[in-house]
N, C-alpha and C. Protein backbone atom coordinates (compact mmCIF):
# COMPACT_ATOMS: atom_id res chain seq x y z
N VAL A 1 172.18 54.25 232.18
CA VAL A 1 172.34 53.33 231.10
C VAL A 1 170.96 52.28 231.61
N ALA A 2 170.03 52.24 230.58
CA ALA A 2 168.78 51.37 230.75
C ALA A 2 169.24 49.96 230.64
N PRO A 3 168.44 49.07 231.59
CA PRO A 3 169.10 47.70 230.95
C PRO A 3 168.72 47.11 229.90
N ARG A 4 169.39 46.04 229.17
CA ARG A 4 169.20 45.44 228.38
C ARG A 4 167.93 44.75 228.23
N PRO A 5 166.96 44.44 227.29
CA PRO A 5 165.74 43.67 227.19
C PRO A 5 166.17 42.36 226.95
N PRO A 6 165.44 41.30 227.45
CA PRO A 6 165.89 39.87 227.09
C PRO A 6 165.99 39.52 225.78
N PRO A 7 166.85 38.63 225.67
CA PRO A 7 166.62 37.97 224.02
C PRO A 7 165.59 37.72 223.93
N PRO A 8 164.86 37.99 222.47
CA PRO A 8 163.76 37.20 221.78
C PRO A 8 163.79 35.68 222.07
N HIS A 9 162.99 35.10 222.71
CA HIS A 9 162.94 33.44 222.86
C HIS A 9 162.53 32.76 221.40
N VAL A 10 163.10 32.03 220.86
CA VAL A 10 163.17 31.20 219.76
C VAL A 10 162.99 29.69 220.19
N GLU A 11 162.07 29.01 219.64
CA GLU A 11 161.68 27.57 219.71
C GLU A 11 162.99 26.88 218.94
N ALA A 12 163.48 25.88 219.84
CA ALA A 12 164.60 25.22 218.93
C ALA A 12 163.88 24.09 218.23
N LYS A 13 164.40 23.78 217.29
CA LYS A 13 163.71 22.92 216.11
C LYS A 13 164.18 21.51 216.77
N PRO A 14 163.74 20.12 216.91
CA PRO A 14 164.35 19.02 217.22
C PRO A 14 165.37 18.65 216.08
N VAL A 15 166.38 18.26 216.31
CA VAL A 15 167.54 17.80 215.57
C VAL A 15 167.10 16.51 215.16
N GLU A 16 166.89 16.35 213.50
CA GLU A 16 166.90 15.00 213.03
C GLU A 16 167.85 14.46 213.08
N PRO A 17 168.05 13.21 213.57
CA PRO A 17 169.33 12.38 213.65
C PRO A 17 169.99 11.77 212.16
N VAL A 18 170.98 11.64 211.89
CA VAL A 18 171.56 11.67 211.22
C VAL A 18 171.80 9.97 210.67
N THR A 19 170.98 9.62 209.60
CA THR A 19 170.93 7.97 209.25
C THR A 19 172.19 7.94 208.45
N GLN A 20 172.89 7.02 208.96
CA GLN A 20 173.73 6.16 208.00
C GLN A 20 173.37 5.30 207.01
N PRO A 21 173.94 5.01 205.89
CA PRO A 21 173.07 3.83 205.34
C PRO A 21 173.64 2.69 205.66
N ALA A 22 172.68 1.63 205.43
CA ALA A 22 173.17 0.28 205.93
C ALA A 22 174.14 -0.26 205.34
N PRO A 23 174.74 -0.76 205.88
CA PRO A 23 176.16 -1.36 205.47
C PRO A 23 176.15 -2.42 204.23
N PHE A 24 176.97 -2.54 203.20
CA PHE A 24 176.53 -3.83 202.06
C PHE A 24 176.43 -4.96 202.44
N SER A 25 175.11 -5.78 202.31
CA SER A 25 174.95 -6.98 202.70
C SER A 25 174.69 -7.70 201.72
N SER A 26 176.02 -8.64 201.22
CA SER A 26 175.20 -9.39 199.96
C SER A 26 174.36 -10.22 200.38
N ASP A 27 174.27 -10.77 201.47
CA ASP A 27 173.25 -11.79 201.80
C ASP A 27 171.85 -11.26 201.67
N ALA A 28 171.76 -9.97 201.84
CA ALA A 28 170.39 -9.23 201.79
C ALA A 28 169.92 -8.83 200.27
N VAL A 29 171.05 -8.70 199.71
CA VAL A 29 170.99 -8.63 197.83
C VAL A 29 170.59 -9.99 197.56
N LEU A 30 171.03 -11.02 197.76
CA LEU A 30 170.96 -12.54 197.49
C LEU A 30 169.40 -12.62 197.67
N ALA A 31 169.21 -12.09 198.98
CA ALA A 31 167.79 -12.54 199.44
C ALA A 31 166.69 -12.15 198.80
N ARG A 32 167.03 -10.68 198.47
CA ARG A 32 166.36 -9.78 197.56
C ARG A 32 165.85 -10.49 196.16
N VAL A 33 166.82 -10.91 195.39
CA VAL A 33 167.12 -11.44 194.20
C VAL A 33 166.34 -12.57 194.39
N ALA A 34 166.44 -13.68 195.29
CA ALA A 34 165.97 -14.77 195.48
C ALA A 34 164.12 -14.80 195.14
N GLY A 35 163.59 -13.47 195.86
CA GLY A 35 162.48 -13.24 195.98
C GLY A 35 161.49 -12.59 194.76
N LEU A 36 162.76 -11.85 193.92
CA LEU A 36 162.41 -11.48 192.53
C LEU A 36 162.23 -12.59 191.67
N ARG A 37 163.31 -13.42 191.71
CA ARG A 37 163.09 -14.80 191.04
C ARG A 37 161.80 -15.48 191.14
N SER A 38 161.44 -15.75 192.52
CA SER A 38 160.01 -16.28 192.46
C SER A 38 159.23 -15.91 192.22
N ARG A 39 158.91 -14.78 191.94
CA ARG A 39 157.93 -13.93 191.16
C ARG A 39 158.32 -13.57 189.84
N ARG A 40 159.32 -14.28 189.13
CA ARG A 40 159.65 -14.12 187.71
C ARG A 40 159.76 -12.76 187.32
N ALA A 41 160.17 -12.02 188.45
CA ALA A 41 160.74 -10.60 188.23
C ALA A 41 162.20 -10.35 187.54
N TYR A 42 162.57 -11.15 186.62
CA TYR A 42 163.99 -11.48 186.57
C TYR A 42 164.68 -10.01 185.93
N GLU A 43 163.71 -9.46 185.16
CA GLU A 43 164.90 -8.08 184.67
C GLU A 43 165.02 -6.89 186.11
N GLU A 44 163.96 -7.05 186.81
CA GLU A 44 164.32 -6.15 188.20
C GLU A 44 165.40 -6.88 188.83
N ALA A 45 165.47 -8.26 188.87
CA ALA A 45 166.49 -8.60 189.75
C ALA A 45 168.19 -8.42 189.08
N VAL A 46 168.05 -8.32 187.64
CA VAL A 46 169.28 -8.19 187.21
C VAL A 46 169.54 -6.31 187.58
N GLN A 47 168.34 -5.73 187.86
CA GLN A 47 168.86 -4.41 188.01
C GLN A 47 169.32 -4.15 189.37
N VAL A 48 169.06 -5.21 190.26
CA VAL A 48 169.22 -5.23 191.61
C VAL A 48 170.60 -5.69 191.71
N LEU A 49 170.91 -6.57 190.78
CA LEU A 49 172.28 -7.05 191.04
C LEU A 49 173.35 -6.12 190.12
N ASN A 50 173.09 -5.65 189.45
CA ASN A 50 173.93 -4.59 188.54
C ASN A 50 174.28 -3.06 189.34
N THR A 51 173.40 -3.10 190.32
CA THR A 51 173.63 -1.91 191.44
C THR A 51 174.49 -2.29 192.32
N ALA A 52 174.09 -3.62 192.80
CA ALA A 52 174.88 -4.18 193.99
C ALA A 52 176.07 -4.28 193.49
N LEU A 53 176.69 -4.64 192.29
CA LEU A 53 177.99 -4.81 191.92
C LEU A 53 178.83 -3.79 191.94
N GLN A 54 178.13 -2.55 191.55
CA GLN A 54 178.71 -1.51 191.96
C GLN A 54 178.95 -1.02 193.37
N GLU A 55 178.31 -1.30 194.43
CA GLU A 55 178.73 -0.99 195.53
C GLU A 55 179.36 -2.27 196.19
N ALA A 56 179.44 -3.34 195.77
CA ALA A 56 180.41 -4.65 196.42
C ALA A 56 181.54 -4.47 196.81
N PRO A 57 181.98 -4.38 198.21
CA PRO A 57 183.28 -3.83 198.75
C PRO A 57 184.35 -4.76 198.31
N THR A 58 184.23 -6.02 198.09
CA THR A 58 185.38 -6.90 197.69
C THR A 58 185.17 -7.63 196.31
N ALA A 59 186.42 -8.12 195.67
CA ALA A 59 186.27 -9.01 194.10
C ALA A 59 185.62 -10.48 194.53
N ALA A 60 185.69 -10.84 195.55
CA ALA A 60 185.15 -12.29 195.97
C ALA A 60 183.35 -11.62 196.21
N THR A 61 183.05 -10.78 196.58
CA THR A 61 181.61 -10.50 196.74
C THR A 61 181.15 -10.00 195.09
N ARG A 62 181.83 -9.37 194.51
CA ARG A 62 181.40 -9.10 193.07
C ARG A 62 181.47 -10.27 192.08
N GLU A 63 182.42 -11.22 192.45
CA GLU A 63 182.20 -12.76 191.85
C GLU A 63 180.95 -13.08 192.13
N ARG A 64 180.72 -13.28 193.22
CA ARG A 64 179.56 -14.17 193.56
C ARG A 64 178.09 -13.44 192.69
N LEU A 65 178.10 -12.44 193.21
CA LEU A 65 176.95 -11.34 192.50
C LEU A 65 177.11 -11.44 190.90
N GLY A 66 178.14 -11.45 190.57
CA GLY A 66 178.10 -11.59 188.98
C GLY A 66 177.81 -12.72 188.53
N PHE A 67 177.92 -13.92 189.20
CA PHE A 67 177.58 -15.05 188.98
C PHE A 67 176.34 -15.19 188.94
N GLU A 68 175.57 -14.89 190.00
CA GLU A 68 173.93 -14.69 189.97
C GLU A 68 173.66 -13.89 188.86
N LEU A 69 173.98 -12.97 188.31
CA LEU A 69 173.63 -12.04 187.16
C LEU A 69 173.81 -12.83 185.83
N GLY A 70 175.01 -13.22 185.89
CA GLY A 70 175.28 -14.16 184.58
C GLY A 70 174.06 -15.25 184.62
N SER A 71 173.67 -16.05 185.64
CA SER A 71 172.90 -17.17 185.75
C SER A 71 171.38 -16.73 185.22
N LEU A 72 171.07 -15.26 185.74
CA LEU A 72 169.90 -14.90 185.55
C LEU A 72 169.92 -14.69 183.79
N LEU A 73 170.87 -13.98 183.25
CA LEU A 73 170.75 -13.43 181.66
C LEU A 73 170.83 -15.04 181.11
N THR A 74 171.56 -15.95 181.42
CA THR A 74 171.33 -17.12 180.84
C THR A 74 170.38 -18.27 181.12
N HIS A 75 169.74 -18.36 182.10
CA HIS A 75 169.00 -19.43 182.64
C HIS A 75 167.35 -19.17 182.87
N GLN A 76 167.34 -17.89 183.23
CA GLN A 76 165.88 -17.32 183.33
C GLN A 76 165.53 -16.33 182.15
N LEU A 77 166.37 -15.86 181.51
CA LEU A 77 165.89 -14.55 180.52
C LEU A 77 166.36 -15.22 179.27
N HIS A 78 167.39 -15.91 179.24
CA HIS A 78 167.57 -16.78 177.88
C HIS A 78 168.01 -15.74 176.80
N ASP A 79 168.94 -14.70 177.02
CA ASP A 79 169.38 -13.69 176.30
C ASP A 79 170.70 -14.02 176.08
N VAL A 80 170.61 -14.91 175.11
CA VAL A 80 172.10 -15.14 174.38
C VAL A 80 173.03 -13.98 174.11
N PRO A 81 172.82 -12.90 173.93
CA PRO A 81 173.54 -11.77 173.04
C PRO A 81 174.27 -11.28 174.92
N ARG A 82 173.21 -10.92 175.57
CA ARG A 82 173.41 -10.30 176.57
C ARG A 82 174.44 -11.15 177.50
N ALA A 83 174.05 -12.53 177.74
CA ALA A 83 174.59 -13.57 178.41
C ALA A 83 176.02 -13.52 178.17
N CYS A 84 176.30 -13.79 176.47
CA CYS A 84 177.68 -13.93 176.26
C CYS A 84 178.65 -12.78 176.48
N ALA A 85 177.97 -11.66 176.02
CA ALA A 85 178.94 -10.30 176.68
C ALA A 85 178.89 -9.96 178.09
N PHE A 86 178.18 -10.65 178.70
CA PHE A 86 178.63 -10.52 180.38
C PHE A 86 179.50 -11.52 180.63
N TRP A 87 179.23 -12.63 180.36
CA TRP A 87 180.30 -13.83 180.78
C TRP A 87 181.51 -13.46 180.25
N SER A 88 182.01 -12.91 179.04
CA SER A 88 183.21 -12.51 178.53
C SER A 88 183.71 -11.48 179.29
N THR A 89 183.08 -10.33 179.94
CA THR A 89 183.59 -9.36 180.83
C THR A 89 184.11 -10.28 182.13
N PHE A 90 182.96 -11.08 182.70
CA PHE A 90 182.97 -11.62 183.94
C PHE A 90 184.65 -12.12 184.15
N ARG A 91 184.74 -13.17 182.49
CA ARG A 91 185.52 -14.14 182.78
C ARG A 91 187.22 -13.26 182.82
N ARG A 92 187.10 -11.98 182.11
CA ARG A 92 188.24 -11.19 182.21
C ARG A 92 188.80 -10.69 183.73
N GLU A 93 187.44 -10.55 184.26
CA GLU A 93 187.57 -9.86 185.62
C GLU A 93 187.93 -10.88 186.79
N HIS A 94 187.36 -12.13 186.35
CA HIS A 94 187.74 -13.12 187.68
C HIS A 94 188.46 -14.40 186.67
N PRO A 95 189.81 -14.03 186.12
CA PRO A 95 190.46 -15.47 185.73
C PRO A 95 190.39 -16.37 186.57
N HIS A 96 190.20 -17.78 185.83
CA HIS A 96 190.55 -18.78 187.07
C HIS A 96 189.86 -18.70 188.51
N GLY A 97 188.51 -18.25 188.14
CA GLY A 97 188.00 -17.71 189.55
C GLY A 97 187.22 -19.17 190.07
N ARG A 98 185.89 -19.03 191.22
CA ARG A 98 185.74 -20.25 191.87
C ARG A 98 184.48 -20.84 190.79
N TYR A 99 184.23 -19.87 189.86
CA TYR A 99 182.80 -20.52 189.09
C TYR A 99 183.43 -21.00 187.38
N GLU A 100 185.07 -21.26 187.59
CA GLU A 100 185.96 -21.34 186.06
C GLU A 100 184.97 -22.56 185.43
N GLU A 101 184.42 -23.87 185.99
CA GLU A 101 183.92 -24.92 185.65
C GLU A 101 182.69 -24.66 184.84
N GLU A 102 181.83 -24.22 185.73
CA GLU A 102 180.38 -24.07 185.28
C GLU A 102 180.53 -22.73 184.34
N LEU A 103 181.16 -21.76 184.10
CA LEU A 103 181.40 -20.86 183.15
C LEU A 103 181.95 -21.46 181.92
N THR A 104 183.10 -22.27 181.98
CA THR A 104 183.25 -23.08 180.46
C THR A 104 182.08 -23.66 180.20
N SER A 105 181.49 -24.59 180.90
CA SER A 105 180.35 -25.19 180.37
C SER A 105 179.16 -24.42 179.93
N THR A 106 178.87 -23.34 180.43
CA THR A 106 177.75 -22.28 180.39
C THR A 106 177.93 -21.72 178.86
N VAL A 107 179.44 -21.28 178.82
CA VAL A 107 179.88 -20.44 177.76
C VAL A 107 179.64 -21.39 176.49
N ALA A 108 180.04 -22.61 176.53
CA ALA A 108 180.21 -23.66 175.47
C ALA A 108 178.82 -23.79 174.96
N ASN A 109 178.02 -24.01 176.36
CA ASN A 109 176.36 -24.55 175.53
C ASN A 109 175.64 -23.28 174.84
N LEU A 110 176.12 -22.03 175.57
CA LEU A 110 175.48 -20.49 174.95
C LEU A 110 176.03 -20.81 173.51
N GLY A 111 177.10 -21.20 172.96
CA GLY A 111 177.50 -21.06 172.17
C GLY A 111 178.34 -19.52 171.64
N CYS A 112 178.80 -18.76 172.70
CA CYS A 112 179.64 -17.69 172.98
C CYS A 112 180.70 -17.60 172.10
N GLU A 113 181.30 -18.77 172.06
CA GLU A 113 182.84 -18.42 171.20
C GLU A 113 182.81 -19.09 169.81
N LYS A 114 181.77 -18.81 169.24
CA LYS A 114 181.59 -19.22 167.83
C LYS A 114 182.06 -18.38 166.82
């Protein structure tokens, strides 16, 4: 019986490390939104907040980010139809939430309930 030839040498490729997505950080989202606000990039800030709202892990975080989103629509973009629609949904999702007083005043000033 003839001896077996050695197996062909195969170069091992380096294994790419598996990167985990960064954990959700509302502080990071709010810092990014603050930067966008300072540059008057309000629609981009709205997009960042909409995305963050889908990823936010808790109701309290969604309430905080949602309030920021509504504030942008109301005070920076002055988009009354979008703001009123947003605040209506926000109020249903966060009845008697921590922003209730501000929300009542904002909705009244916008004329949403006419």
